[in-house]
N, C-alpha and C. Protein backbone atom coordinates (compact mmCIF):
# COMPACT_ATOMS: atom_id res chain seq x y z
N MET A 1 -212.35 107.54 -5.42
CA MET A 1 -210.96 107.25 -5.64
C MET A 1 -210.87 105.87 -6.25
N ILE A 2 -210.22 105.76 -7.39
CA ILE A 2 -210.10 104.45 -8.04
C ILE A 2 -208.64 104.22 -8.42
N ALA A 3 -208.05 103.18 -7.82
CA ALA A 3 -206.71 102.75 -8.22
C ALA A 3 -206.91 101.68 -9.29
N ALA A 4 -206.87 102.08 -10.54
CA ALA A 4 -207.34 101.25 -11.63
C ALA A 4 -206.39 100.15 -12.08
N GLY A 5 -205.11 100.41 -12.16
CA GLY A 5 -204.18 99.42 -12.67
C GLY A 5 -204.04 99.51 -14.17
N GLU A 6 -203.42 98.50 -14.74
CA GLU A 6 -203.17 98.44 -16.17
C GLU A 6 -203.41 97.01 -16.64
N ARG A 7 -202.98 96.73 -17.84
CA ARG A 7 -203.07 95.37 -18.39
C ARG A 7 -201.68 94.86 -18.74
N TRP A 8 -201.44 93.60 -18.45
CA TRP A 8 -200.22 92.94 -18.90
C TRP A 8 -200.34 92.75 -20.41
N PRO A 9 -199.25 92.45 -21.10
CA PRO A 9 -199.34 92.22 -22.55
C PRO A 9 -200.35 91.15 -22.95
N ASP A 10 -200.61 90.18 -22.08
CA ASP A 10 -201.59 89.14 -22.40
C ASP A 10 -203.03 89.56 -22.13
N GLY A 11 -203.21 90.81 -21.68
CA GLY A 11 -204.55 91.34 -21.43
C GLY A 11 -205.05 91.17 -20.01
N SER A 12 -204.35 90.42 -19.17
CA SER A 12 -204.78 90.25 -17.79
C SER A 12 -204.50 91.52 -16.98
N LEU A 13 -205.24 91.68 -15.90
CA LEU A 13 -205.12 92.88 -15.07
C LEU A 13 -203.79 92.91 -14.34
N ARG A 14 -203.12 94.04 -14.39
CA ARG A 14 -201.90 94.25 -13.63
C ARG A 14 -202.16 95.37 -12.64
N PRO A 15 -202.33 95.03 -11.35
CA PRO A 15 -202.50 96.09 -10.36
C PRO A 15 -201.30 97.04 -10.43
N ALA A 16 -201.56 98.33 -10.30
CA ALA A 16 -200.50 99.32 -10.42
C ALA A 16 -200.21 99.97 -9.07
N LEU A 17 -199.02 99.74 -8.57
CA LEU A 17 -198.63 100.32 -7.28
C LEU A 17 -198.75 101.83 -7.31
N GLU A 18 -198.38 102.44 -8.42
CA GLU A 18 -198.45 103.90 -8.50
C GLU A 18 -199.87 104.41 -8.37
N ASP A 19 -200.85 103.67 -8.86
CA ASP A 19 -202.24 104.07 -8.70
C ASP A 19 -202.68 103.96 -7.23
N LEU A 20 -202.30 102.86 -6.59
CA LEU A 20 -202.65 102.65 -5.18
C LEU A 20 -202.04 103.75 -4.32
N LEU A 21 -200.75 104.04 -4.52
CA LEU A 21 -200.09 105.06 -3.70
C LEU A 21 -200.59 106.46 -4.02
N GLY A 22 -200.90 106.72 -5.28
CA GLY A 22 -201.47 108.03 -5.65
C GLY A 22 -202.83 108.23 -5.00
N ALA A 23 -203.67 107.21 -5.04
CA ALA A 23 -204.97 107.30 -4.38
C ALA A 23 -204.77 107.48 -2.87
N GLY A 24 -203.82 106.75 -2.31
CA GLY A 24 -203.54 106.86 -0.88
C GLY A 24 -203.08 108.25 -0.48
N ALA A 25 -202.28 108.89 -1.33
CA ALA A 25 -201.81 110.26 -1.06
C ALA A 25 -203.00 111.22 -1.01
N LEU A 26 -203.91 111.07 -1.97
CA LEU A 26 -205.09 111.95 -1.98
C LEU A 26 -205.99 111.70 -0.79
N VAL A 27 -206.23 110.44 -0.48
CA VAL A 27 -207.06 110.10 0.68
C VAL A 27 -206.43 110.63 1.95
N SER A 28 -205.12 110.45 2.10
CA SER A 28 -204.42 110.93 3.29
C SER A 28 -204.59 112.43 3.47
N ASP A 29 -204.44 113.17 2.38
CA ASP A 29 -204.58 114.62 2.46
C ASP A 29 -206.03 115.02 2.76
N LEU A 30 -206.97 114.39 2.09
CA LEU A 30 -208.38 114.70 2.35
C LEU A 30 -208.76 114.39 3.79
N TYR A 31 -208.29 113.26 4.30
CA TYR A 31 -208.58 112.87 5.68
C TYR A 31 -207.98 113.87 6.66
N ALA A 32 -206.76 114.34 6.38
CA ALA A 32 -206.11 115.33 7.24
C ALA A 32 -206.88 116.65 7.27
N GLN A 33 -207.65 116.89 6.21
CA GLN A 33 -208.45 118.12 6.14
C GLN A 33 -209.86 117.92 6.69
N GLY A 34 -210.12 116.73 7.25
CA GLY A 34 -211.40 116.50 7.89
C GLY A 34 -212.42 115.71 7.10
N ALA A 35 -212.06 115.27 5.90
CA ALA A 35 -213.00 114.47 5.11
C ALA A 35 -213.19 113.10 5.74
N GLY A 36 -214.30 112.51 5.50
CA GLY A 36 -214.56 111.17 6.01
C GLY A 36 -216.05 110.98 6.13
N PRO A 37 -216.51 109.85 6.50
CA PRO A 37 -215.72 108.65 6.80
C PRO A 37 -215.17 108.05 5.52
N MET A 38 -214.16 107.19 5.67
CA MET A 38 -213.56 106.57 4.49
C MET A 38 -213.90 105.09 4.43
N SER A 39 -213.93 104.59 3.21
CA SER A 39 -214.18 103.16 3.01
C SER A 39 -212.94 102.38 3.43
N ILE A 40 -213.10 101.08 3.58
CA ILE A 40 -211.96 100.23 3.92
C ILE A 40 -210.93 100.26 2.81
N GLU A 41 -211.39 100.37 1.55
CA GLU A 41 -210.46 100.46 0.42
C GLU A 41 -209.65 101.75 0.48
N ALA A 42 -210.31 102.85 0.81
CA ALA A 42 -209.60 104.12 0.95
C ALA A 42 -208.61 104.06 2.11
N ALA A 43 -209.02 103.45 3.21
CA ALA A 43 -208.14 103.31 4.37
C ALA A 43 -206.91 102.47 4.02
N ALA A 44 -207.10 101.43 3.22
CA ALA A 44 -205.97 100.58 2.83
C ALA A 44 -205.01 101.36 1.93
N ALA A 45 -205.53 102.14 0.99
CA ALA A 45 -204.68 102.96 0.12
C ALA A 45 -203.93 103.99 0.95
N LYS A 46 -204.61 104.61 1.91
CA LYS A 46 -203.99 105.60 2.80
C LYS A 46 -202.86 104.95 3.59
N ALA A 47 -203.10 103.77 4.13
CA ALA A 47 -202.08 103.06 4.91
C ALA A 47 -200.89 102.69 4.04
N ALA A 48 -201.14 102.27 2.81
CA ALA A 48 -200.04 101.92 1.90
C ALA A 48 -199.18 103.15 1.62
N TYR A 49 -199.83 104.27 1.34
CA TYR A 49 -199.10 105.51 1.06
C TYR A 49 -198.31 105.96 2.29
N GLU A 50 -198.98 106.03 3.42
CA GLU A 50 -198.32 106.52 4.64
C GLU A 50 -197.23 105.57 5.11
N GLY A 51 -197.31 104.30 4.76
CA GLY A 51 -196.31 103.32 5.16
C GLY A 51 -195.15 103.17 4.20
N THR A 52 -195.17 103.92 3.11
CA THR A 52 -194.09 103.86 2.13
C THR A 52 -193.06 104.92 2.48
N ALA A 53 -191.90 104.48 2.98
CA ALA A 53 -190.88 105.41 3.46
C ALA A 53 -190.24 106.19 2.33
N ASP A 54 -189.99 105.56 1.20
CA ASP A 54 -189.32 106.22 0.07
C ASP A 54 -190.18 106.02 -1.17
N LEU A 55 -191.05 106.98 -1.41
CA LEU A 55 -192.02 106.90 -2.49
C LEU A 55 -191.33 106.77 -3.85
N THR A 56 -190.32 107.57 -4.10
CA THR A 56 -189.63 107.53 -5.39
C THR A 56 -188.98 106.17 -5.62
N ARG A 57 -188.33 105.64 -4.61
CA ARG A 57 -187.70 104.32 -4.75
C ARG A 57 -188.75 103.23 -4.99
N ALA A 58 -189.86 103.29 -4.28
CA ALA A 58 -190.91 102.29 -4.46
C ALA A 58 -191.47 102.33 -5.88
N ILE A 59 -191.75 103.51 -6.38
CA ILE A 59 -192.31 103.62 -7.73
C ILE A 59 -191.26 103.22 -8.77
N ALA A 60 -190.01 103.57 -8.56
CA ALA A 60 -188.96 103.17 -9.50
C ALA A 60 -188.81 101.66 -9.57
N ALA A 61 -189.07 100.97 -8.46
CA ALA A 61 -188.89 99.51 -8.40
C ALA A 61 -190.11 98.74 -8.88
N CYS A 62 -191.27 99.40 -9.02
CA CYS A 62 -192.47 98.68 -9.44
C CYS A 62 -192.44 98.45 -10.96
N ALA A 63 -193.39 97.66 -11.45
CA ALA A 63 -193.40 97.29 -12.87
C ALA A 63 -193.43 98.52 -13.78
N SER A 64 -194.25 99.50 -13.47
CA SER A 64 -194.33 100.69 -14.32
C SER A 64 -193.04 101.50 -14.27
N GLY A 65 -192.45 101.62 -13.10
CA GLY A 65 -191.20 102.36 -12.96
C GLY A 65 -190.08 101.70 -13.75
N ARG A 66 -190.00 100.40 -13.67
CA ARG A 66 -188.99 99.67 -14.44
C ARG A 66 -189.23 99.82 -15.94
N GLN A 67 -190.49 99.79 -16.33
CA GLN A 67 -190.84 99.95 -17.75
C GLN A 67 -190.44 101.35 -18.23
N LEU A 68 -190.72 102.38 -17.44
CA LEU A 68 -190.32 103.73 -17.82
C LEU A 68 -188.80 103.84 -17.94
N ALA A 69 -188.08 103.29 -16.98
CA ALA A 69 -186.61 103.34 -17.02
C ALA A 69 -186.07 102.62 -18.25
N ALA A 70 -186.65 101.49 -18.58
CA ALA A 70 -186.18 100.71 -19.72
C ALA A 70 -186.41 101.42 -21.05
N THR A 71 -187.38 102.32 -21.09
CA THR A 71 -187.67 103.05 -22.32
C THR A 71 -187.13 104.48 -22.30
N GLY A 72 -186.23 104.76 -21.34
CA GLY A 72 -185.55 106.05 -21.32
C GLY A 72 -186.25 107.16 -20.57
N PHE A 73 -187.20 106.84 -19.71
CA PHE A 73 -187.95 107.87 -19.00
C PHE A 73 -187.74 107.80 -17.48
N VAL A 74 -186.49 107.63 -17.06
CA VAL A 74 -186.18 107.55 -15.63
C VAL A 74 -186.63 108.81 -14.90
N GLU A 75 -186.44 109.97 -15.51
CA GLU A 75 -186.80 111.24 -14.86
C GLU A 75 -188.29 111.34 -14.58
N ASP A 76 -189.09 110.67 -15.41
CA ASP A 76 -190.54 110.74 -15.23
C ASP A 76 -190.98 110.13 -13.90
N VAL A 77 -190.25 109.14 -13.42
CA VAL A 77 -190.57 108.53 -12.13
C VAL A 77 -190.41 109.56 -11.02
N ALA A 78 -189.31 110.27 -11.03
CA ALA A 78 -189.07 111.29 -10.00
C ALA A 78 -190.12 112.40 -10.09
N ILE A 79 -190.44 112.82 -11.30
CA ILE A 79 -191.44 113.87 -11.48
C ILE A 79 -192.80 113.40 -10.97
N ALA A 80 -193.14 112.16 -11.29
CA ALA A 80 -194.46 111.62 -10.90
C ALA A 80 -194.61 111.48 -9.39
N THR A 81 -193.52 111.42 -8.66
CA THR A 81 -193.62 111.24 -7.20
C THR A 81 -193.43 112.55 -6.43
N GLU A 82 -193.31 113.66 -7.15
CA GLU A 82 -193.22 114.94 -6.46
C GLU A 82 -194.56 115.24 -5.79
N GLU A 83 -194.49 115.86 -4.63
CA GLU A 83 -195.70 116.19 -3.90
C GLU A 83 -195.77 117.68 -3.61
N ASP A 84 -196.97 118.22 -3.67
CA ASP A 84 -197.24 119.62 -3.33
C ASP A 84 -196.39 120.60 -4.12
N VAL A 85 -196.26 120.37 -5.43
CA VAL A 85 -195.46 121.27 -6.27
C VAL A 85 -196.29 122.05 -7.27
N CYS A 86 -197.52 121.65 -7.51
CA CYS A 86 -198.37 122.33 -8.48
C CYS A 86 -199.27 123.35 -7.77
N THR A 87 -199.48 124.46 -8.43
CA THR A 87 -200.35 125.48 -7.86
C THR A 87 -201.72 125.52 -8.53
N VAL A 88 -201.89 124.74 -9.61
CA VAL A 88 -203.18 124.66 -10.29
C VAL A 88 -203.55 123.21 -10.49
N VAL A 89 -204.82 122.98 -10.64
CA VAL A 89 -205.34 121.65 -10.90
C VAL A 89 -206.04 121.70 -12.25
N PRO A 90 -205.70 120.80 -13.19
CA PRO A 90 -206.39 120.82 -14.48
C PRO A 90 -207.86 120.41 -14.32
N ILE A 91 -208.70 121.10 -15.04
CA ILE A 91 -210.13 120.81 -15.03
C ILE A 91 -210.54 120.45 -16.45
N ARG A 92 -211.28 119.39 -16.58
CA ARG A 92 -211.73 118.94 -17.90
C ARG A 92 -212.99 119.70 -18.30
N ASP A 93 -212.95 120.31 -19.49
CA ASP A 93 -214.11 121.05 -19.95
C ASP A 93 -215.10 120.14 -20.68
N GLY A 94 -216.18 120.68 -21.17
CA GLY A 94 -217.22 119.91 -21.86
C GLY A 94 -216.75 119.24 -23.13
N ASP A 95 -215.67 119.73 -23.73
CA ASP A 95 -215.15 119.15 -24.96
C ASP A 95 -214.09 118.09 -24.71
N GLY A 96 -213.78 117.81 -23.44
CA GLY A 96 -212.79 116.80 -23.11
C GLY A 96 -211.39 117.33 -23.02
N ALA A 97 -211.21 118.63 -23.15
CA ALA A 97 -209.88 119.24 -23.05
C ALA A 97 -209.63 119.66 -21.60
N PHE A 98 -208.37 119.76 -21.23
CA PHE A 98 -208.00 120.19 -19.88
C PHE A 98 -207.56 121.65 -19.91
N ALA A 99 -207.94 122.37 -18.87
CA ALA A 99 -207.54 123.76 -18.71
C ALA A 99 -207.17 123.98 -17.25
N PRO A 100 -206.30 124.96 -16.97
CA PRO A 100 -205.94 125.23 -15.56
C PRO A 100 -207.18 125.59 -14.76
N GLY A 101 -207.25 125.07 -13.54
CA GLY A 101 -208.40 125.35 -12.69
C GLY A 101 -208.08 126.33 -11.61
């Protein structure tokens, strides 16, 4: 699990809340299914996700959410924070393309 972040316009690293919470959501689900042990980094991401009462509001208020809203993509924030709505997982093939898994 890697919460990678992005770059600010000056090239410096900008930690991305959405990456941390997304990783935390996956870790939380995997842990609930019996996976483990988890690293301290995974535990921190899990705690951040589980401690966020309003995921959509948190993502909308972070730097990426504000950037999306400013460029006319407010709906994308809500879509990005939906949970357990997909029935397939994309799988990357040998050519770098994604297909339903």
